[in-house]
Amino acid sequence: MPKPLRQTMPHTAEWIDAIREAFSPDVVNAAIRNGMAGGSDFYASEAGHVIGHPLPPPGARFNADYLLHHRQTQGESA
């Protein structure tokens, strides 16, 4: 039988308690449920334990050289 969150992830539980107090418990609980169901609203890991799902990696990456070149080809000067 798995240990409760407060025992397996005490720092995460403390943080969740703090954001529940600062915001609405309903909003925080909905975000956690979303993450547990495969959504990207909540993700936490501590001491090898994970709850929720991380955000997917970005689909596109651009460096400054690419952006400056693209800007210049659109008729603007750098």
N, C-alpha and C. Protein backbone atom coordinates (compact mmCIF):
# COMPACT_ATOMS: atom_id res chain seq x y z
N MET A 1 0.84 -1.18 0.00
CA MET A 1 0.00 0.00 0.00
C MET A 1 0.90 1.25 0.00
N PRO A 2 0.70 2.15 -0.99
CA PRO A 2 1.57 3.33 -1.05
C PRO A 2 1.33 4.27 0.14
N LYS A 3 2.39 4.96 0.51
CA LYS A 3 2.29 5.93 1.61
C LYS A 3 1.54 7.17 1.12
N PRO A 4 0.88 7.86 2.02
CA PRO A 4 0.20 9.09 1.61
C PRO A 4 1.20 10.15 1.13
N LEU A 5 0.71 11.08 0.35
CA LEU A 5 1.54 12.15 -0.21
C LEU A 5 2.33 12.88 0.88
N ARG A 6 1.73 13.13 1.99
CA ARG A 6 2.40 13.89 3.05
C ARG A 6 3.63 13.16 3.59
N GLN A 7 3.66 11.85 3.48
CA GLN A 7 4.83 11.09 3.95
C GLN A 7 5.85 10.91 2.84
N THR A 8 5.41 10.67 1.62
CA THR A 8 6.34 10.41 0.52
C THR A 8 6.88 11.70 -0.10
N MET A 9 6.09 12.79 -0.04
CA MET A 9 6.49 14.06 -0.65
C MET A 9 6.15 15.21 0.29
N PRO A 10 6.83 15.30 1.44
CA PRO A 10 6.45 16.30 2.44
C PRO A 10 6.64 17.74 1.98
N HIS A 11 7.69 18.05 1.22
CA HIS A 11 7.91 19.42 0.76
C HIS A 11 6.84 19.81 -0.27
N THR A 12 6.50 18.87 -1.12
CA THR A 12 5.44 19.12 -2.11
C THR A 12 4.11 19.33 -1.41
N ALA A 13 3.81 18.53 -0.42
CA ALA A 13 2.55 18.69 0.32
C ALA A 13 2.50 20.05 1.01
N GLU A 14 3.62 20.48 1.57
CA GLU A 14 3.68 21.79 2.23
C GLU A 14 3.44 22.91 1.21
N TRP A 15 4.05 22.79 0.04
CA TRP A 15 3.88 23.79 -1.01
C TRP A 15 2.43 23.82 -1.50
N ILE A 16 1.83 22.65 -1.70
CA ILE A 16 0.43 22.58 -2.13
C ILE A 16 -0.47 23.23 -1.08
N ASP A 17 -0.22 22.99 0.19
CA ASP A 17 -1.00 23.62 1.25
C ASP A 17 -0.90 25.14 1.16
N ALA A 18 0.31 25.64 0.91
CA ALA A 18 0.52 27.09 0.82
C ALA A 18 -0.21 27.70 -0.37
N ILE A 19 -0.18 27.04 -1.53
CA ILE A 19 -0.88 27.63 -2.67
C ILE A 19 -2.39 27.47 -2.52
N ARG A 20 -2.84 26.45 -1.85
CA ARG A 20 -4.28 26.34 -1.56
C ARG A 20 -4.73 27.51 -0.68
N GLU A 21 -3.89 27.89 0.28
CA GLU A 21 -4.21 28.99 1.18
C GLU A 21 -4.14 30.33 0.44
N ALA A 22 -3.17 30.48 -0.46
CA ALA A 22 -3.00 31.74 -1.18
C ALA A 22 -4.04 31.92 -2.29
N PHE A 23 -4.45 30.83 -2.88
CA PHE A 23 -5.43 30.88 -3.97
C PHE A 23 -6.69 30.16 -3.49
N SER A 24 -7.38 29.59 -4.37
CA SER A 24 -8.60 28.84 -4.01
C SER A 24 -8.28 27.35 -3.96
N PRO A 25 -8.68 26.66 -2.89
CA PRO A 25 -8.46 25.21 -2.86
C PRO A 25 -9.11 24.51 -4.06
N ASP A 26 -10.25 25.01 -4.52
CA ASP A 26 -10.92 24.39 -5.67
C ASP A 26 -10.07 24.49 -6.93
N VAL A 27 -9.43 25.65 -7.12
CA VAL A 27 -8.57 25.84 -8.31
C VAL A 27 -7.35 24.94 -8.24
N VAL A 28 -6.72 24.89 -7.09
CA VAL A 28 -5.52 24.06 -6.93
C VAL A 28 -5.87 22.58 -7.08
N ASN A 29 -6.95 22.15 -6.45
CA ASN A 29 -7.36 20.75 -6.55
C ASN A 29 -7.71 20.37 -7.99
N ALA A 30 -8.35 21.29 -8.72
CA ALA A 30 -8.67 21.03 -10.13
C ALA A 30 -7.40 20.87 -10.95
N ALA A 31 -6.39 21.70 -10.69
CA ALA A 31 -5.12 21.60 -11.42
C ALA A 31 -4.43 20.27 -11.13
N ILE A 32 -4.46 19.85 -9.87
CA ILE A 32 -3.85 18.57 -9.50
C ILE A 32 -4.60 17.41 -10.18
N ARG A 33 -5.91 17.46 -10.15
CA ARG A 33 -6.70 16.40 -10.82
C ARG A 33 -6.38 16.36 -12.31
N ASN A 34 -6.24 17.54 -12.93
CA ASN A 34 -5.91 17.60 -14.35
C ASN A 34 -4.56 16.93 -14.61
N GLY A 35 -3.57 17.25 -13.79
CA GLY A 35 -2.25 16.64 -13.96
C GLY A 35 -2.27 15.13 -13.75
N MET A 36 -3.04 14.69 -12.79
CA MET A 36 -3.15 13.26 -12.53
C MET A 36 -3.85 12.51 -13.66
N ALA A 37 -4.72 13.23 -14.38
CA ALA A 37 -5.48 12.62 -15.48
C ALA A 37 -4.73 12.72 -16.82
N GLY A 38 -3.50 13.22 -16.80
CA GLY A 38 -2.71 13.30 -18.03
C GLY A 38 -2.59 14.69 -18.60
N GLY A 39 -3.23 15.68 -17.98
CA GLY A 39 -3.12 17.06 -18.45
C GLY A 39 -1.80 17.68 -18.02
N SER A 40 -1.61 18.93 -18.37
CA SER A 40 -0.34 19.60 -18.07
C SER A 40 -0.50 20.72 -17.05
N ASP A 41 -1.58 20.70 -16.26
CA ASP A 41 -1.79 21.75 -15.27
C ASP A 41 -0.99 21.56 -13.99
N PHE A 42 -0.49 20.36 -13.73
CA PHE A 42 0.24 20.12 -12.49
C PHE A 42 1.26 19.02 -12.68
N TYR A 43 2.46 19.26 -12.11
CA TYR A 43 3.52 18.25 -12.11
C TYR A 43 4.42 18.53 -10.92
N ALA A 44 4.75 17.52 -10.17
CA ALA A 44 5.69 17.66 -9.06
C ALA A 44 6.48 16.37 -8.90
N SER A 45 7.74 16.51 -8.50
CA SER A 45 8.55 15.34 -8.19
C SER A 45 9.38 15.64 -6.95
N GLU A 46 9.53 14.64 -6.12
CA GLU A 46 10.31 14.78 -4.89
C GLU A 46 10.78 13.40 -4.46
N ALA A 47 12.06 13.30 -4.22
CA ALA A 47 12.66 12.07 -3.69
C ALA A 47 12.26 10.84 -4.50
N GLY A 48 12.22 10.98 -5.82
CA GLY A 48 11.90 9.85 -6.68
C GLY A 48 10.42 9.59 -6.88
N HIS A 49 9.57 10.34 -6.23
CA HIS A 49 8.12 10.20 -6.39
C HIS A 49 7.62 11.30 -7.32
N VAL A 50 6.67 10.96 -8.18
CA VAL A 50 6.14 11.91 -9.16
C VAL A 50 4.63 11.88 -9.14
N ILE A 51 4.03 13.07 -9.22
CA ILE A 51 2.58 13.15 -9.44
C ILE A 51 2.35 14.14 -10.58
N GLY A 52 1.33 13.89 -11.37
CA GLY A 52 1.02 14.75 -12.51
C GLY A 52 1.86 14.40 -13.72
N HIS A 53 1.80 15.27 -14.71
CA HIS A 53 2.54 15.07 -15.96
C HIS A 53 3.28 16.35 -16.32
N PRO A 54 4.56 16.25 -16.72
CA PRO A 54 5.31 17.44 -17.10
C PRO A 54 4.81 18.01 -18.42
N LEU A 55 5.12 19.28 -18.66
CA LEU A 55 4.80 19.88 -19.94
C LEU A 55 5.59 19.19 -21.04
N PRO A 56 5.02 19.09 -22.23
CA PRO A 56 5.80 18.53 -23.33
C PRO A 56 6.92 19.50 -23.71
N PRO A 57 7.99 19.00 -24.31
CA PRO A 57 9.06 19.91 -24.73
C PRO A 57 8.54 20.87 -25.79
N PRO A 58 9.15 22.03 -25.91
CA PRO A 58 8.69 22.99 -26.92
C PRO A 58 8.80 22.41 -28.32
N GLY A 59 7.89 22.79 -29.16
CA GLY A 59 7.87 22.26 -30.52
C GLY A 59 8.80 22.98 -31.47
N ALA A 60 9.22 24.18 -31.12
CA ALA A 60 10.10 24.95 -32.00
C ALA A 60 11.11 25.70 -31.15
N ARG A 61 12.29 25.86 -31.70
CA ARG A 61 13.34 26.63 -31.01
C ARG A 61 13.98 27.55 -32.03
N PHE A 62 14.24 28.76 -31.59
CA PHE A 62 14.85 29.75 -32.46
C PHE A 62 15.98 30.44 -31.71
N ASN A 63 17.10 30.63 -32.38
CA ASN A 63 18.18 31.38 -31.76
C ASN A 63 18.14 32.82 -32.28
N ALA A 64 18.94 33.70 -31.68
CA ALA A 64 18.93 35.11 -32.04
C ALA A 64 19.32 35.33 -33.50
N ASP A 65 20.29 34.58 -34.00
CA ASP A 65 20.71 34.75 -35.40
C ASP A 65 19.54 34.48 -36.35
N TYR A 66 18.80 33.42 -36.10
CA TYR A 66 17.65 33.10 -36.96
C TYR A 66 16.62 34.22 -36.90
N LEU A 67 16.30 34.69 -35.70
CA LEU A 67 15.28 35.73 -35.55
C LEU A 67 15.71 37.04 -36.22
N LEU A 68 16.98 37.42 -36.06
CA LEU A 68 17.45 38.65 -36.71
C LEU A 68 17.43 38.51 -38.22
N HIS A 69 17.85 37.37 -38.74
CA HIS A 69 17.84 37.15 -40.18
C HIS A 69 16.40 37.19 -40.70
N HIS A 70 15.48 36.54 -40.01
CA HIS A 70 14.08 36.54 -40.43
C HIS A 70 13.51 37.96 -40.42
N ARG A 71 13.85 38.74 -39.41
CA ARG A 71 13.38 40.13 -39.32
C ARG A 71 13.91 40.95 -40.49
N GLN A 72 15.17 40.77 -40.85
CA GLN A 72 15.76 41.52 -41.94
C GLN A 72 15.15 41.13 -43.28
N THR A 73 14.81 39.89 -43.48
CA THR A 73 14.21 39.47 -44.75
C THR A 73 12.78 39.93 -44.88
N GLN A 74 12.15 40.37 -43.79
CA GLN A 74 10.78 40.88 -43.84
C GLN A 74 10.73 42.37 -44.12
N GLY A 75 11.90 43.00 -44.44
CA GLY A 75 11.92 44.40 -44.82
C GLY A 75 12.26 45.36 -43.69
N GLU A 76 12.52 44.85 -42.49
CA GLU A 76 12.90 45.72 -41.38
C GLU A 76 14.41 45.66 -41.23
N SER A 77 14.99 46.71 -40.69
CA SER A 77 16.43 46.70 -40.44
C SER A 77 16.70 46.29 -39.02
N ALA A 78 17.86 45.74 -38.80
CA ALA A 78 18.22 45.26 -37.46
C ALA A 78 18.65 46.38 -36.57
